Amino acid sequence: SMPMVQVRMFATVREAAGVPECTVEAEDMAMVIASLKERFGSRLARVLDRLGSGPDRLVVLVNGRNVGST
């Protein structure tokens, strides 16, 4: 089975999802993003698709440690 990933959301991502955190089953970041888009719909999908194209970006933390960003 795939690992369970706890996702904490902040700022515009949290606002679009309507929740501060959730748990998804995923093997990699692409699966995490796809799961979030499926679960929370088009509003969150638009926000996630926009990240990285401007001053906002998606920051990835693993166990509280920054491991990268888009």
Protein backbone atom coordinates (compact mmCIF):
# COMPACT_ATOMS: atom_id res chain seq x y z
CA SER A 1 0.00 0.00 0.00
CA MET A 2 1.03 3.60 -0.54
CA PRO A 3 2.27 5.78 2.32
CA MET A 4 -0.10 8.21 3.99
CA VAL A 5 1.06 11.82 3.65
CA GLN A 6 -0.10 14.57 5.98
CA VAL A 7 -0.58 17.81 4.04
CA ARG A 8 -0.68 21.14 5.86
CA MET A 9 -1.98 24.04 3.83
CA PHE A 10 -1.30 27.73 4.27
CA ALA A 11 -2.39 31.05 2.78
CA THR A 12 -4.19 30.84 -0.58
CA VAL A 13 -4.00 27.03 -0.69
CA ARG A 14 -5.74 26.77 2.70
CA GLU A 15 -8.36 29.30 1.65
CA ALA A 16 -9.10 27.40 -1.57
CA ALA A 17 -9.26 24.00 0.15
CA GLY A 18 -11.27 25.26 3.10
CA VAL A 19 -9.30 23.15 5.58
CA PRO A 20 -5.91 23.59 7.26
CA GLU A 21 -4.74 20.02 6.66
CA CYS A 22 -5.64 16.61 5.31
CA THR A 23 -4.11 13.20 4.72
CA VAL A 24 -3.67 11.62 1.29
CA GLU A 25 -2.26 8.34 0.02
CA ALA A 26 0.64 9.05 -2.33
CA GLU A 27 4.06 7.81 -3.39
CA ASP A 28 5.43 11.15 -4.65
CA MET A 29 4.67 14.86 -4.90
CA ALA A 30 2.88 14.51 -8.24
CA MET A 31 0.45 12.08 -6.60
CA VAL A 32 -0.02 14.41 -3.62
CA ILE A 33 -0.92 17.31 -5.92
CA ALA A 34 -3.23 15.13 -8.04
CA SER A 35 -4.99 13.85 -4.90
CA LEU A 36 -5.49 17.37 -3.58
CA LYS A 37 -6.92 18.55 -6.90
CA GLU A 38 -9.31 15.59 -7.01
CA ARG A 39 -10.41 15.96 -3.39
CA PHE A 40 -10.89 19.74 -3.30
CA GLY A 41 -11.91 20.47 -6.88
CA SER A 42 -11.34 23.17 -9.44
CA ARG A 43 -10.86 26.09 -7.04
CA LEU A 44 -7.84 24.46 -5.42
CA ALA A 45 -6.62 23.12 -8.78
CA ARG A 46 -6.47 26.66 -10.16
CA VAL A 47 -4.47 27.87 -7.15
CA LEU A 48 -2.03 24.95 -7.36
CA ASP A 49 -1.59 25.38 -11.11
CA ARG A 50 -0.78 29.08 -10.61
CA LEU A 51 1.88 28.46 -7.96
CA GLY A 52 5.38 28.71 -9.29
CA SER A 53 4.45 31.13 -12.05
CA GLY A 54 4.84 34.22 -9.91
CA PRO A 55 6.05 35.40 -6.52
CA ASP A 56 3.99 32.70 -4.79
CA ARG A 57 5.29 29.17 -4.83
CA LEU A 58 4.61 25.79 -3.34
CA VAL A 59 7.06 25.01 -0.53
CA VAL A 60 7.60 21.34 0.30
CA LEU A 61 8.45 20.35 3.86
CA VAL A 62 9.24 16.81 4.98
CA ASN A 63 9.12 16.37 8.75
CA GLY A 64 9.23 20.16 9.04
CA ARG A 65 12.34 20.52 6.89
CA ASN A 66 12.26 22.46 3.61
CA VAL A 67 13.16 20.03 0.82
CA GLY A 68 12.28 22.18 -2.16
CA SER A 69 9.83 24.47 -3.85
CA THR A 70 8.23 25.00 -7.23
